[in-house]
Amino acid sequence: MPKCSTFVAAFAFATVPLSAKADAKDWLEFINPDRLAEGLLQYGILAARTQVDLTYSALSVDMLAGRAVLTDLEIYPFPDWDDEGACFITVDRVVLSSAPAGDIDNLKLRTSLYGLNTHRACFPPDAWPIFAMLGVVEPSVPHATISIDYHVPSAGAEVAANFISEGLMAFDLATDFD
């Protein structure tokens, strides 16, 4: 019996370094900044799902570059006037950008949407005659961007937004708060 216990103890001590290396790798992957940021974004998506039905095909995060990309986003909101459930919004790509990790003097946030399409049922029925008059069945926005750049030392900020909706309008805003 003592020989068996000695063998088990020797085997246990021999395998500790192997499992410690594996655990260290797992822990390093667990605390990887990209993984942590992706987890935070997924929690944001979970919070959004309390209000709308939301799906996407892929999420990629690069913290060093200050960038996150969400692709093939589908949103099914529930507006009060849409009894049939026809309202949907699709976005081919959402890009969230911030200042690079080493830039601590600037707080930057930029959100860009590419290939946004929606059904007119997402708009109040009062807006439908306008779409009919313009010949727009499903409003679309090929590209939209909102950016905020706050310079911490000077307390200055710049805010910009622009989008073009095919057949409806174009919007461009730039403000400078110094």
Protein backbone atom coordinates (compact mmCIF):
# COMPACT_ATOMS: atom_id res chain seq x y z
CA MET A 1 0.00 0.00 0.00
CA PRO A 2 2.77 2.55 0.79
CA LYS A 3 4.31 1.93 -2.67
CA CYS A 4 0.98 2.80 -4.31
CA SER A 5 0.70 6.04 -2.29
CA THR A 6 4.28 6.95 -3.18
CA PHE A 7 3.55 6.32 -6.85
CA VAL A 8 0.37 8.43 -6.76
CA ALA A 9 2.21 11.26 -4.97
CA ALA A 10 5.09 11.14 -7.48
CA PHE A 11 2.66 11.16 -10.38
CA ALA A 12 0.76 14.11 -8.88
CA PHE A 13 3.96 16.14 -8.43
CA ALA A 14 5.15 15.25 -11.93
CA THR A 15 1.96 16.51 -13.55
CA VAL A 16 1.69 19.77 -11.57
CA PRO A 17 4.04 21.76 -13.83
CA LEU A 18 2.13 20.62 -16.93
CA SER A 19 -1.24 21.66 -15.56
CA ALA A 20 0.20 24.90 -14.14
CA LYS A 21 1.42 25.87 -17.62
CA ALA A 22 -1.97 25.03 -19.08
CA ASP A 23 -3.71 27.00 -16.32
CA ALA A 24 -1.39 29.97 -16.86
CA LYS A 25 -2.21 29.97 -20.57
CA ASP A 26 -5.93 29.75 -19.80
CA TRP A 27 -5.66 32.61 -17.28
CA LEU A 28 -3.73 34.76 -19.75
CA GLU A 29 -6.42 34.15 -22.35
CA PHE A 30 -9.08 34.89 -19.74
CA ILE A 31 -7.62 38.31 -18.86
CA ASN A 32 -6.73 39.23 -22.45
CA PRO A 33 -7.91 42.85 -23.01
CA ASP A 34 -9.58 41.95 -26.32
CA ARG A 35 -11.53 39.18 -24.63
CA LEU A 36 -12.55 41.44 -21.73
CA ALA A 37 -13.72 44.18 -24.13
CA GLU A 38 -15.61 41.63 -26.20
CA GLY A 39 -17.30 40.40 -23.03
CA LEU A 40 -18.33 43.95 -22.12
CA LEU A 41 -19.76 44.49 -25.60
CA GLN A 42 -21.68 41.23 -25.34
CA TYR A 43 -23.14 42.39 -22.01
CA GLY A 44 -24.23 45.59 -23.78
CA ILE A 45 -25.88 43.47 -26.46
CA LEU A 46 -27.62 41.43 -23.77
CA ALA A 47 -28.91 44.68 -22.25
CA ALA A 48 -30.16 45.83 -25.67
CA ARG A 49 -31.97 42.51 -26.08
CA THR A 50 -34.24 43.47 -23.18
CA GLN A 51 -35.72 46.10 -25.53
CA VAL A 52 -35.39 44.60 -29.04
CA ASP A 53 -34.77 41.26 -30.71
CA LEU A 54 -31.13 41.52 -31.85
CA THR A 55 -28.77 39.10 -33.60
CA TYR A 56 -25.38 39.37 -35.30
CA SER A 57 -23.01 37.00 -37.10
CA ALA A 58 -19.59 38.10 -35.81
CA LEU A 59 -17.91 40.38 -33.29
CA SER A 60 -14.21 41.20 -33.42
CA VAL A 61 -12.27 43.41 -31.03
CA ASP A 62 -8.76 44.89 -31.25
CA MET A 63 -8.06 46.93 -28.12
CA LEU A 64 -4.61 48.10 -29.24
CA ALA A 65 -6.14 49.65 -32.35
CA GLY A 66 -9.17 50.84 -30.38
CA ARG A 67 -11.63 49.11 -32.70
CA ALA A 68 -14.57 46.72 -32.50
CA VAL A 69 -16.55 45.45 -35.50
CA LEU A 70 -19.99 43.87 -35.44
CA THR A 71 -21.24 42.31 -38.69
CA ASP A 72 -24.63 41.32 -40.08
CA LEU A 73 -26.66 42.98 -37.36
CA GLU A 74 -30.41 42.33 -37.41
CA ILE A 75 -32.71 44.27 -35.11
CA TYR A 76 -36.43 43.68 -34.68
CA PRO A 77 -37.86 46.47 -32.51
CA PHE A 78 -41.44 46.48 -31.28
CA PRO A 79 -42.93 49.93 -31.98
CA ASP A 80 -46.44 50.47 -30.65
CA TRP A 81 -47.91 51.10 -34.11
CA ASP A 82 -46.51 47.89 -35.69
CA ASP A 83 -49.15 45.28 -34.87
CA GLU A 84 -47.93 42.91 -37.61
CA GLY A 85 -44.29 42.78 -36.47
CA ALA A 86 -43.04 43.99 -39.87
CA CYS A 87 -40.46 46.42 -38.46
CA PHE A 88 -36.86 45.33 -38.97
CA ILE A 89 -33.49 47.02 -39.21
CA THR A 90 -30.41 45.42 -40.76
CA VAL A 91 -26.87 46.75 -40.69
CA ASP A 92 -24.10 45.12 -42.71
CA ARG A 93 -21.33 46.40 -40.44
CA VAL A 94 -21.02 48.48 -37.27
CA VAL A 95 -17.56 49.83 -36.44
CA LEU A 96 -16.84 51.25 -32.99
CA SER A 97 -13.55 53.13 -32.78
CA SER A 98 -11.75 54.89 -29.95
CA ALA A 99 -8.39 56.53 -29.38
CA PRO A 100 -5.47 54.08 -29.46
CA ALA A 101 -4.64 52.50 -26.11
CA GLY A 102 -1.62 54.74 -25.46
CA ASP A 103 -3.41 58.06 -26.13
CA ILE A 104 -4.57 59.15 -22.67
CA ASP A 105 -5.06 62.86 -23.46
CA ASN A 106 -7.92 62.26 -25.88
CA LEU A 107 -11.21 60.52 -25.33
CA LYS A 108 -12.48 59.55 -28.75
CA LEU A 109 -15.49 57.56 -29.74
CA ARG A 110 -16.65 57.00 -33.28
CA THR A 111 -19.54 54.84 -34.40
CA SER A 112 -19.95 54.06 -38.10
CA LEU A 113 -22.80 52.14 -39.67
CA TYR A 114 -22.51 50.63 -43.14
CA GLY A 115 -25.44 49.28 -45.13
CA LEU A 116 -28.32 50.21 -42.83
CA ASN A 117 -31.72 49.17 -44.17
CA THR A 118 -35.10 49.37 -42.51
CA HIS A 119 -38.77 48.78 -43.23
CA ARG A 120 -41.21 51.67 -43.25
CA ALA A 121 -43.17 49.92 -40.48
CA CYS A 122 -40.44 51.12 -38.11
CA PHE A 123 -41.67 54.69 -38.64
CA PRO A 124 -44.99 56.08 -37.38
CA PRO A 125 -47.85 55.76 -39.89
CA ASP A 126 -47.89 59.55 -40.25
CA ALA A 127 -44.52 59.30 -42.05
CA TRP A 128 -45.65 56.69 -44.59
CA PRO A 129 -47.20 59.19 -47.05
CA ILE A 130 -43.84 60.98 -47.21
CA PHE A 131 -42.11 57.71 -48.15
CA ALA A 132 -44.80 57.03 -50.77
CA MET A 133 -44.46 60.54 -52.20
CA LEU A 134 -40.69 60.09 -52.52
CA GLY A 135 -41.01 56.56 -53.91
CA VAL A 136 -39.10 55.02 -51.00
CA VAL A 137 -40.28 51.55 -49.96
CA GLU A 138 -37.52 50.65 -47.52
CA PRO A 139 -35.40 53.56 -46.25
CA SER A 140 -31.68 52.87 -46.41
CA VAL A 141 -28.53 54.60 -45.22
CA PRO A 142 -25.36 53.39 -46.99
CA HIS A 143 -23.11 55.07 -44.42
CA ALA A 144 -23.62 56.99 -41.18
CA THR A 145 -21.04 58.21 -38.67
CA ILE A 146 -21.15 59.88 -35.27
CA SER A 147 -17.87 60.90 -33.63
CA ILE A 148 -16.93 62.61 -30.39
CA ASP A 149 -13.40 63.81 -29.68
CA TYR A 150 -12.74 65.23 -26.21
CA HIS A 151 -9.30 66.69 -25.46
CA VAL A 152 -8.79 66.26 -21.69
CA PRO A 153 -6.09 68.93 -21.00
CA SER A 154 -7.96 71.75 -22.77
CA ALA A 155 -11.51 70.50 -22.05
CA GLY A 156 -12.28 71.07 -25.74
CA ALA A 157 -14.56 68.79 -27.68
CA GLU A 158 -15.54 68.20 -31.27
CA VAL A 159 -18.72 66.42 -32.24
CA ALA A 160 -19.52 65.38 -35.80
CA ALA A 161 -22.31 63.40 -37.40
CA ASN A 162 -23.17 62.65 -40.99
CA PHE A 163 -25.35 60.32 -42.98
CA ILE A 164 -26.99 60.05 -46.35
CA SER A 165 -30.35 58.37 -46.75
CA GLU A 166 -30.94 57.37 -50.35
CA GLY A 167 -33.90 59.25 -51.78
CA LEU A 168 -34.66 61.10 -48.55
CA MET A 169 -31.96 63.41 -47.21
CA ALA A 170 -28.36 64.08 -46.34
CA PHE A 171 -27.24 65.31 -42.94
CA ASP A 172 -23.88 66.73 -41.90
CA LEU A 173 -23.12 68.30 -38.52
CA ALA A 174 -19.83 69.49 -37.08
CA THR A 175 -19.50 71.38 -33.81
CA ASP A 176 -16.45 72.57 -31.91
CA PHE A 177 -16.69 73.28 -28.18
CA ASP A 178 -13.63 75.25 -27.07
